[in-house]
């Protein structure tokens, strides 16, 4: 029997006061036309902290010391379709310190980049990310979220 697998990903909410950095997804095949924070899959042999650092550098050109990544929540989610790749574990971090100025480094994958207040986010936001950002705004963010599971 094949062992069950989940797909891990790292998300980084860059904060500047009450603002967060958002990208408008484009040409990726997933949630294009939705706003999102810098994020991506954890690669084989890579820690989630290394993945978070790499993704922020690749997407917005800033370097973050892993010690400056503050855990927000972990989200175990599923779309409920039963596909092996359907279950995800998303690790959300926030950071207020980095080196460099955020710039769109992958213009083919992002149509826009901007700072938005947590109470005035652009629309639409990727739904599972919107849930985390709303929890960040209200201060009601559990350490672990299970999304899409029965019961």
N, C-alpha and C. Protein backbone atom coordinates (compact mmCIF):
# COMPACT_ATOMS: atom_id res chain seq x y z
N UNK A 1 0.82 -1.18 0.00
CA UNK A 1 0.00 0.00 0.00
C UNK A 1 0.88 1.26 0.00
N UNK A 2 0.50 2.22 -0.82
CA UNK A 2 1.27 3.45 -0.93
C UNK A 2 1.03 4.32 0.30
N UNK A 3 2.11 4.91 0.80
CA UNK A 3 2.04 5.75 1.99
C UNK A 3 1.32 7.06 1.66
N UNK A 4 0.47 7.51 2.57
CA UNK A 4 -0.24 8.78 2.45
C UNK A 4 0.76 9.93 2.44
N UNK A 5 0.51 10.94 1.61
CA UNK A 5 1.40 12.09 1.52
C UNK A 5 0.60 13.38 1.54
N UNK A 6 1.22 14.41 2.08
CA UNK A 6 0.66 15.75 2.01
C UNK A 6 1.68 16.64 1.32
N UNK A 7 1.22 17.75 0.77
CA UNK A 7 2.09 18.70 0.10
C UNK A 7 2.33 19.88 1.05
N UNK A 8 3.58 20.11 1.50
CA UNK A 8 3.86 21.23 2.39
C UNK A 8 4.17 22.51 1.61
N UNK A 9 3.77 23.63 2.17
CA UNK A 9 4.07 24.93 1.56
C UNK A 9 4.37 25.94 2.65
N UNK A 10 5.12 26.97 2.28
CA UNK A 10 5.49 28.05 3.19
C UNK A 10 4.91 29.36 2.66
N UNK A 11 4.29 30.13 3.55
CA UNK A 11 3.69 31.43 3.23
C UNK A 11 4.32 32.48 4.13
N UNK A 12 4.63 33.65 3.56
CA UNK A 12 5.23 34.71 4.36
C UNK A 12 4.43 35.99 4.21
N UNK A 13 3.90 36.46 5.34
CA UNK A 13 3.17 37.72 5.38
C UNK A 13 4.17 38.80 5.78
N UNK A 14 4.62 39.56 4.78
CA UNK A 14 5.52 40.68 5.06
C UNK A 14 4.67 41.83 5.58
N UNK A 15 5.05 42.37 6.76
CA UNK A 15 4.27 43.43 7.39
C UNK A 15 5.07 44.71 7.49
N UNK A 16 4.38 45.80 7.18
CA UNK A 16 4.93 47.14 7.33
C UNK A 16 3.87 47.93 8.09
N UNK A 17 4.00 47.97 9.42
CA UNK A 17 2.94 48.56 10.23
C UNK A 17 1.69 47.71 10.12
N UNK A 18 0.56 48.34 9.76
CA UNK A 18 -0.69 47.57 9.61
C UNK A 18 -0.92 47.15 8.16
N UNK A 19 0.12 47.23 7.34
CA UNK A 19 0.01 46.83 5.93
C UNK A 19 0.72 45.50 5.69
N UNK A 20 0.23 44.77 4.68
CA UNK A 20 0.85 43.52 4.25
C UNK A 20 1.13 43.59 2.75
N UNK A 21 2.16 42.90 2.32
CA UNK A 21 2.52 42.87 0.90
C UNK A 21 1.72 41.79 0.19
N UNK A 22 1.06 42.15 -0.91
CA UNK A 22 0.24 41.21 -1.67
C UNK A 22 0.66 41.22 -3.15
N UNK A 23 0.56 40.05 -3.77
CA UNK A 23 0.83 39.86 -5.20
C UNK A 23 -0.45 39.45 -5.90
N UNK A 24 -0.66 39.94 -7.12
CA UNK A 24 -1.80 39.52 -7.93
C UNK A 24 -1.33 38.38 -8.83
N UNK A 25 -1.81 37.17 -8.55
CA UNK A 25 -1.36 35.97 -9.27
C UNK A 25 -1.75 36.03 -10.75
N UNK A 26 -0.87 35.53 -11.60
CA UNK A 26 -1.12 35.50 -13.05
C UNK A 26 -0.33 34.36 -13.70
N UNK A 27 -0.94 33.70 -14.66
CA UNK A 27 -0.26 32.71 -15.50
C UNK A 27 0.39 31.56 -14.73
N UNK A 28 -0.19 31.18 -13.59
CA UNK A 28 0.37 30.09 -12.80
C UNK A 28 -0.46 28.82 -12.91
N UNK A 29 -1.72 28.97 -13.32
CA UNK A 29 -2.61 27.83 -13.38
C UNK A 29 -3.34 27.56 -12.06
N UNK A 30 -3.04 28.37 -11.03
CA UNK A 30 -3.71 28.21 -9.74
C UNK A 30 -4.09 29.59 -9.21
N UNK A 31 -5.38 29.82 -9.07
CA UNK A 31 -5.91 31.06 -8.48
C UNK A 31 -5.41 32.33 -9.19
N UNK A 32 -5.22 32.23 -10.49
CA UNK A 32 -4.83 33.43 -11.24
C UNK A 32 -5.94 34.48 -11.11
N UNK A 33 -5.55 35.74 -10.95
CA UNK A 33 -6.51 36.81 -10.75
C UNK A 33 -6.86 37.04 -9.29
N UNK A 34 -6.27 36.26 -8.40
CA UNK A 34 -6.46 36.42 -6.95
C UNK A 34 -5.20 37.02 -6.34
N UNK A 35 -5.39 37.77 -5.27
CA UNK A 35 -4.28 38.34 -4.52
C UNK A 35 -3.78 37.32 -3.51
N UNK A 36 -2.46 37.32 -3.27
CA UNK A 36 -1.83 36.34 -2.40
C UNK A 36 -0.58 36.93 -1.77
N UNK A 37 -0.11 36.27 -0.72
CA UNK A 37 1.17 36.63 -0.12
C UNK A 37 2.24 35.76 -0.76
N UNK A 38 3.52 36.15 -0.66
CA UNK A 38 4.58 35.29 -1.21
C UNK A 38 4.52 33.90 -0.57
N UNK A 39 4.60 32.87 -1.40
CA UNK A 39 4.46 31.50 -0.91
C UNK A 39 4.94 30.51 -1.96
N UNK A 40 5.15 29.28 -1.51
CA UNK A 40 5.49 28.22 -2.45
C UNK A 40 5.72 26.91 -1.74
N UNK A 41 5.87 25.87 -2.54
CA UNK A 41 6.05 24.52 -2.01
C UNK A 41 7.43 24.35 -1.39
N UNK A 42 7.47 23.53 -0.36
CA UNK A 42 8.73 23.12 0.24
C UNK A 42 9.32 22.04 -0.67
N UNK A 43 10.58 22.20 -1.04
CA UNK A 43 11.25 21.25 -1.92
C UNK A 43 11.80 20.08 -1.11
N UNK A 44 12.00 18.96 -1.78
CA UNK A 44 12.57 17.77 -1.12
C UNK A 44 13.89 18.14 -0.45
N UNK A 45 14.04 17.75 0.82
CA UNK A 45 15.27 18.01 1.55
C UNK A 45 15.42 19.42 2.10
N UNK A 46 14.40 20.24 1.92
CA UNK A 46 14.45 21.65 2.34
C UNK A 46 13.57 21.82 3.59
N UNK A 47 14.03 22.62 4.54
CA UNK A 47 13.19 22.91 5.71
C UNK A 47 12.15 23.94 5.31
N UNK A 48 11.07 24.02 6.09
CA UNK A 48 10.03 25.00 5.81
C UNK A 48 10.58 26.43 5.98
N UNK A 49 11.53 26.61 6.88
CA UNK A 49 12.14 27.94 7.06
C UNK A 49 12.97 28.32 5.84
N UNK A 50 13.73 27.36 5.32
CA UNK A 50 14.52 27.62 4.11
C UNK A 50 13.60 27.89 2.92
N UNK A 51 12.49 27.16 2.84
CA UNK A 51 11.53 27.38 1.75
C UNK A 51 10.91 28.77 1.83
N UNK A 52 10.55 29.19 3.04
CA UNK A 52 9.97 30.53 3.21
C UNK A 52 10.96 31.59 2.75
N UNK A 53 12.19 31.46 3.17
CA UNK A 53 13.24 32.42 2.78
C UNK A 53 13.44 32.43 1.26
N UNK A 54 13.52 31.23 0.68
CA UNK A 54 13.74 31.12 -0.77
C UNK A 54 12.58 31.72 -1.56
N UNK A 55 11.35 31.39 -1.17
CA UNK A 55 10.19 31.88 -1.92
C UNK A 55 10.08 33.41 -1.89
N UNK A 56 10.33 34.01 -0.73
CA UNK A 56 10.27 35.48 -0.64
C UNK A 56 11.36 36.11 -1.51
N UNK A 57 12.54 35.51 -1.51
CA UNK A 57 13.63 36.03 -2.35
C UNK A 57 13.28 35.88 -3.83
N UNK A 58 12.74 34.72 -4.22
CA UNK A 58 12.39 34.48 -5.62
C UNK A 58 11.24 35.38 -6.10
N UNK A 59 10.23 35.58 -5.24
CA UNK A 59 9.03 36.29 -5.68
C UNK A 59 9.11 37.80 -5.53
N UNK A 60 9.72 38.27 -4.43
CA UNK A 60 9.72 39.72 -4.20
C UNK A 60 11.11 40.30 -3.93
N UNK A 61 12.16 39.49 -4.05
CA UNK A 61 13.52 40.00 -4.02
C UNK A 61 14.04 40.49 -2.69
N UNK A 62 13.45 40.04 -1.58
CA UNK A 62 13.99 40.42 -0.28
C UNK A 62 14.52 39.19 0.43
N UNK A 63 15.54 39.41 1.27
CA UNK A 63 16.14 38.31 2.01
C UNK A 63 15.74 38.44 3.47
N UNK A 64 15.29 37.33 4.03
CA UNK A 64 14.85 37.30 5.43
C UNK A 64 15.73 36.31 6.19
N UNK A 65 16.26 36.76 7.31
CA UNK A 65 16.96 35.86 8.21
C UNK A 65 15.90 34.91 8.78
N UNK A 66 16.11 33.60 8.72
CA UNK A 66 15.12 32.66 9.26
C UNK A 66 14.72 32.99 10.71
N UNK A 67 15.62 33.60 11.49
CA UNK A 67 15.30 33.97 12.87
C UNK A 67 14.22 35.06 12.92
N UNK A 68 14.01 35.77 11.80
CA UNK A 68 13.00 36.84 11.74
C UNK A 68 11.65 36.34 11.22
N UNK A 69 11.54 35.04 10.93
CA UNK A 69 10.26 34.45 10.52
C UNK A 69 9.49 34.03 11.78
N UNK A 70 8.37 34.69 12.02
CA UNK A 70 7.56 34.42 13.21
C UNK A 70 6.37 33.54 12.80
N UNK A 71 6.23 32.35 13.39
CA UNK A 71 5.11 31.48 13.03
C UNK A 71 3.76 32.12 13.36
N UNK A 72 2.83 32.03 12.40
CA UNK A 72 1.46 32.53 12.60
C UNK A 72 0.51 31.38 12.88
N UNK A 73 0.47 30.42 11.96
CA UNK A 73 -0.43 29.28 12.08
C UNK A 73 0.02 28.21 11.09
N UNK A 74 -0.47 27.02 11.29
CA UNK A 74 -0.33 25.94 10.32
C UNK A 74 -1.74 25.55 9.90
N UNK A 75 -1.93 25.37 8.60
CA UNK A 75 -3.25 25.00 8.09
C UNK A 75 -3.15 23.66 7.36
N UNK A 76 -3.92 22.68 7.83
CA UNK A 76 -4.04 21.40 7.14
C UNK A 76 -5.35 21.49 6.37
N UNK A 77 -5.28 21.43 5.04
CA UNK A 77 -6.49 21.64 4.26
C UNK A 77 -6.64 20.60 3.16
N UNK A 78 -7.89 20.45 2.74
CA UNK A 78 -8.21 19.54 1.65
C UNK A 78 -9.39 20.10 0.86
N UNK A 79 -9.41 19.78 -0.41
CA UNK A 79 -10.57 20.10 -1.23
C UNK A 79 -11.58 18.97 -1.21
N UNK A 80 -11.19 17.85 -0.59
CA UNK A 80 -12.10 16.73 -0.43
C UNK A 80 -12.29 15.87 -1.66
N UNK A 81 -11.40 15.99 -2.65
CA UNK A 81 -11.59 15.20 -3.87
C UNK A 81 -10.89 13.84 -3.82
N UNK A 82 -10.11 13.59 -2.77
CA UNK A 82 -9.47 12.30 -2.61
C UNK A 82 -8.18 12.11 -3.38
N UNK A 83 -7.80 13.06 -4.22
CA UNK A 83 -6.54 12.95 -4.96
C UNK A 83 -5.37 13.01 -3.99
N UNK A 84 -4.29 12.25 -4.27
CA UNK A 84 -3.15 12.26 -3.37
C UNK A 84 -2.58 13.66 -3.12
N UNK A 85 -2.63 14.52 -4.13
CA UNK A 85 -2.05 15.86 -3.99
C UNK A 85 -3.04 16.84 -3.36
N UNK A 86 -4.22 16.35 -3.02
CA UNK A 86 -5.28 17.22 -2.53
C UNK A 86 -5.05 17.73 -1.11
N UNK A 87 -4.37 16.98 -0.27
CA UNK A 87 -4.16 17.43 1.10
C UNK A 87 -2.87 18.24 1.22
N UNK A 88 -3.01 19.38 1.87
CA UNK A 88 -1.90 20.33 2.00
C UNK A 88 -1.66 20.66 3.46
N UNK A 89 -0.42 20.98 3.78
CA UNK A 89 -0.08 21.56 5.08
C UNK A 89 0.65 22.85 4.77
N UNK A 90 0.02 23.95 5.15
CA UNK A 90 0.55 25.28 4.88
C UNK A 90 1.08 25.89 6.17
N UNK A 91 2.33 26.33 6.14
CA UNK A 91 2.96 26.98 7.29
C UNK A 91 3.00 28.47 7.01
N UNK A 92 2.30 29.25 7.82
CA UNK A 92 2.24 30.69 7.65
C UNK A 92 3.17 31.37 8.65
N UNK A 93 3.99 32.30 8.13
CA UNK A 93 4.90 33.09 8.94
C UNK A 93 4.63 34.56 8.68
N UNK A 94 5.07 35.40 9.59
CA UNK A 94 5.07 36.83 9.36
C UNK A 94 6.50 37.32 9.56
N UNK A 95 6.81 38.44 8.93
CA UNK A 95 8.13 39.05 9.08
C UNK A 95 7.99 40.57 8.98
N UNK A 96 8.73 41.25 9.82
CA UNK A 96 8.75 42.71 9.79
C UNK A 96 10.14 43.25 9.49
N UNK A 97 11.11 42.33 9.39
CA UNK A 97 12.49 42.73 9.06
C UNK A 97 12.99 41.91 7.88
N UNK A 98 13.64 42.58 6.94
CA UNK A 98 14.23 41.92 5.78
C UNK A 98 15.25 42.87 5.17
N UNK A 99 16.01 42.34 4.22
CA UNK A 99 16.99 43.13 3.49
C UNK A 99 16.51 43.27 2.06
N UNK A 100 16.52 44.52 1.55
CA UNK A 100 16.09 44.79 0.19
C UNK A 100 14.72 45.43 0.16
N UNK A 101 14.34 45.90 -1.02
CA UNK A 101 13.04 46.55 -1.23
C UNK A 101 12.15 45.60 -2.04
N UNK A 102 10.96 45.27 -1.52
CA UNK A 102 10.09 44.35 -2.26
C UNK A 102 9.80 44.83 -3.68
N UNK A 103 10.06 43.95 -4.63
CA UNK A 103 9.87 44.21 -6.05
C UNK A 103 9.34 42.93 -6.69
N UNK A 104 8.51 43.07 -7.71
CA UNK A 104 8.01 41.89 -8.40
C UNK A 104 9.16 41.28 -9.21
N UNK A 105 9.62 40.11 -8.77
CA UNK A 105 10.75 39.43 -9.41
C UNK A 105 10.31 38.45 -10.49
N UNK A 106 9.02 38.11 -10.51
CA UNK A 106 8.49 37.16 -11.49
C UNK A 106 7.30 37.79 -12.19
N UNK A 107 7.56 38.81 -13.05
CA UNK A 107 6.44 39.52 -13.68
C UNK A 107 5.52 38.63 -14.50
N UNK A 108 5.98 37.47 -14.96
CA UNK A 108 5.12 36.55 -15.69
C UNK A 108 4.14 35.82 -14.78
N UNK A 109 4.40 35.82 -13.45
CA UNK A 109 3.54 35.13 -12.50
C UNK A 109 2.76 36.07 -11.60
N UNK A 110 3.04 37.36 -11.71
CA UNK A 110 2.33 38.35 -10.87
C UNK A 110 2.09 39.61 -11.70
N UNK A 111 0.81 40.02 -11.77
CA UNK A 111 0.46 41.22 -12.54
C UNK A 111 0.58 42.50 -11.74
N UNK A 112 0.66 42.37 -10.40
CA UNK A 112 0.77 43.57 -9.56
C UNK A 112 1.36 43.17 -8.22
N UNK A 113 1.88 44.18 -7.53
CA UNK A 113 2.47 44.02 -6.21
C UNK A 113 2.15 45.29 -5.43
N UNK A 114 1.69 45.14 -4.19
CA UNK A 114 1.40 46.34 -3.43
C UNK A 114 1.21 46.08 -1.95
N UNK A 115 1.28 47.15 -1.19
CA UNK A 115 1.05 47.12 0.26
C UNK A 115 -0.40 47.47 0.53
N UNK A 116 -1.05 46.67 1.36
CA UNK A 116 -2.47 46.89 1.67
C UNK A 116 -2.70 46.75 3.16
N UNK A 117 -3.57 47.59 3.69
CA UNK A 117 -3.96 47.49 5.09
C UNK A 117 -4.76 46.20 5.29
N UNK A 118 -4.57 45.58 6.45
CA UNK A 118 -5.29 44.34 6.75
C UNK A 118 -6.81 44.53 6.72
N UNK A 119 -7.28 45.74 6.98
CA UNK A 119 -8.73 46.00 6.93
C UNK A 119 -9.18 46.55 5.59
N UNK A 120 -8.27 46.59 4.62
CA UNK A 120 -8.62 47.06 3.27
C UNK A 120 -7.86 46.25 2.21
N UNK A 121 -7.96 44.94 2.29
CA UNK A 121 -7.26 44.08 1.34
C UNK A 121 -7.91 44.16 -0.04
N UNK A 122 -7.11 43.99 -1.09
CA UNK A 122 -7.69 43.96 -2.43
C UNK A 122 -8.53 42.70 -2.59
N UNK A 123 -9.39 42.68 -3.58
CA UNK A 123 -10.22 41.49 -3.81
C UNK A 123 -10.07 41.02 -5.24
N UNK A 124 -10.20 39.71 -5.41
CA UNK A 124 -10.36 38.66 -4.39
C UNK A 124 -9.00 38.21 -3.85
N UNK A 125 -8.99 37.69 -2.63
CA UNK A 125 -7.80 37.09 -2.02
C UNK A 125 -8.00 35.58 -2.05
N UNK A 126 -6.93 34.83 -2.30
CA UNK A 126 -6.99 33.36 -2.26
C UNK A 126 -7.70 32.98 -0.95
N UNK A 127 -8.78 32.19 -1.01
CA UNK A 127 -9.62 31.96 0.17
C UNK A 127 -8.92 31.49 1.44
N UNK A 128 -8.04 30.50 1.35
CA UNK A 128 -7.40 30.03 2.58
C UNK A 128 -6.43 31.08 3.14
N UNK A 129 -5.86 31.89 2.28
CA UNK A 129 -5.00 32.98 2.74
C UNK A 129 -5.84 34.09 3.36
N UNK A 130 -7.02 34.35 2.79
CA UNK A 130 -7.92 35.36 3.34
C UNK A 130 -8.30 35.01 4.76
N UNK A 131 -8.53 33.72 5.02
CA UNK A 131 -8.90 33.30 6.38
C UNK A 131 -7.78 33.62 7.36
N UNK A 132 -6.54 33.36 6.98
CA UNK A 132 -5.40 33.63 7.86
C UNK A 132 -5.22 35.14 8.04
N UNK A 133 -5.34 35.91 6.97
CA UNK A 133 -5.17 37.36 7.07
C UNK A 133 -6.27 37.99 7.92
N UNK A 134 -7.49 37.45 7.84
CA UNK A 134 -8.57 37.95 8.68
C UNK A 134 -8.29 37.63 10.15
N UNK A 135 -7.80 36.44 10.42
CA UNK A 135 -7.42 36.09 11.78
C UNK A 135 -6.29 36.95 12.31
N UNK A 136 -5.36 37.30 11.45
CA UNK A 136 -4.27 38.20 11.83
C UNK A 136 -4.83 39.59 12.16
N UNK A 137 -5.77 40.04 11.35
CA UNK A 137 -6.39 41.36 11.56
C UNK A 137 -7.14 41.42 12.88
N UNK A 138 -7.91 40.38 13.18
CA UNK A 138 -8.76 40.39 14.37
C UNK A 138 -8.05 39.90 15.62
N UNK A 139 -6.88 39.27 15.45
CA UNK A 139 -6.17 38.69 16.59
C UNK A 139 -6.74 37.35 17.01
N UNK A 140 -7.59 36.77 16.16
CA UNK A 140 -8.22 35.48 16.45
C UNK A 140 -7.69 34.44 15.46
N UNK A 141 -6.46 34.02 15.69
CA UNK A 141 -5.82 33.07 14.78
C UNK A 141 -5.32 31.88 15.58
N UNK A 142 -5.99 30.72 15.46
CA UNK A 142 -5.54 29.55 16.22
C UNK A 142 -4.19 29.06 15.70
N UNK A 143 -3.45 28.34 16.53
CA UNK A 143 -2.13 27.84 16.09
C UNK A 143 -2.22 26.81 14.98
N UNK A 144 -3.33 26.07 14.91
CA UNK A 144 -3.55 25.08 13.85
C UNK A 144 -4.99 25.19 13.35
N UNK A 145 -5.12 25.18 12.02
CA UNK A 145 -6.44 25.26 11.37
C UNK A 145 -6.61 24.02 10.52
N UNK A 146 -7.75 23.36 10.61
CA UNK A 146 -8.10 22.26 9.70
C UNK A 146 -9.24 22.75 8.83
N UNK A 147 -9.06 22.69 7.52
CA UNK A 147 -10.00 23.28 6.57
C UNK A 147 -10.44 22.23 5.55
N UNK A 148 -11.76 22.08 5.39
CA UNK A 148 -12.30 21.22 4.34
C UNK A 148 -12.55 19.78 4.74
N UNK A 149 -12.32 19.46 6.01
CA UNK A 149 -12.52 18.09 6.47
C UNK A 149 -13.89 17.95 7.11
N UNK A 150 -14.48 16.79 6.98
CA UNK A 150 -15.77 16.52 7.64
C UNK A 150 -15.55 16.43 9.15
N UNK A 151 -16.52 16.92 9.90
CA UNK A 151 -16.45 16.81 11.36
C UNK A 151 -15.52 17.79 11.94
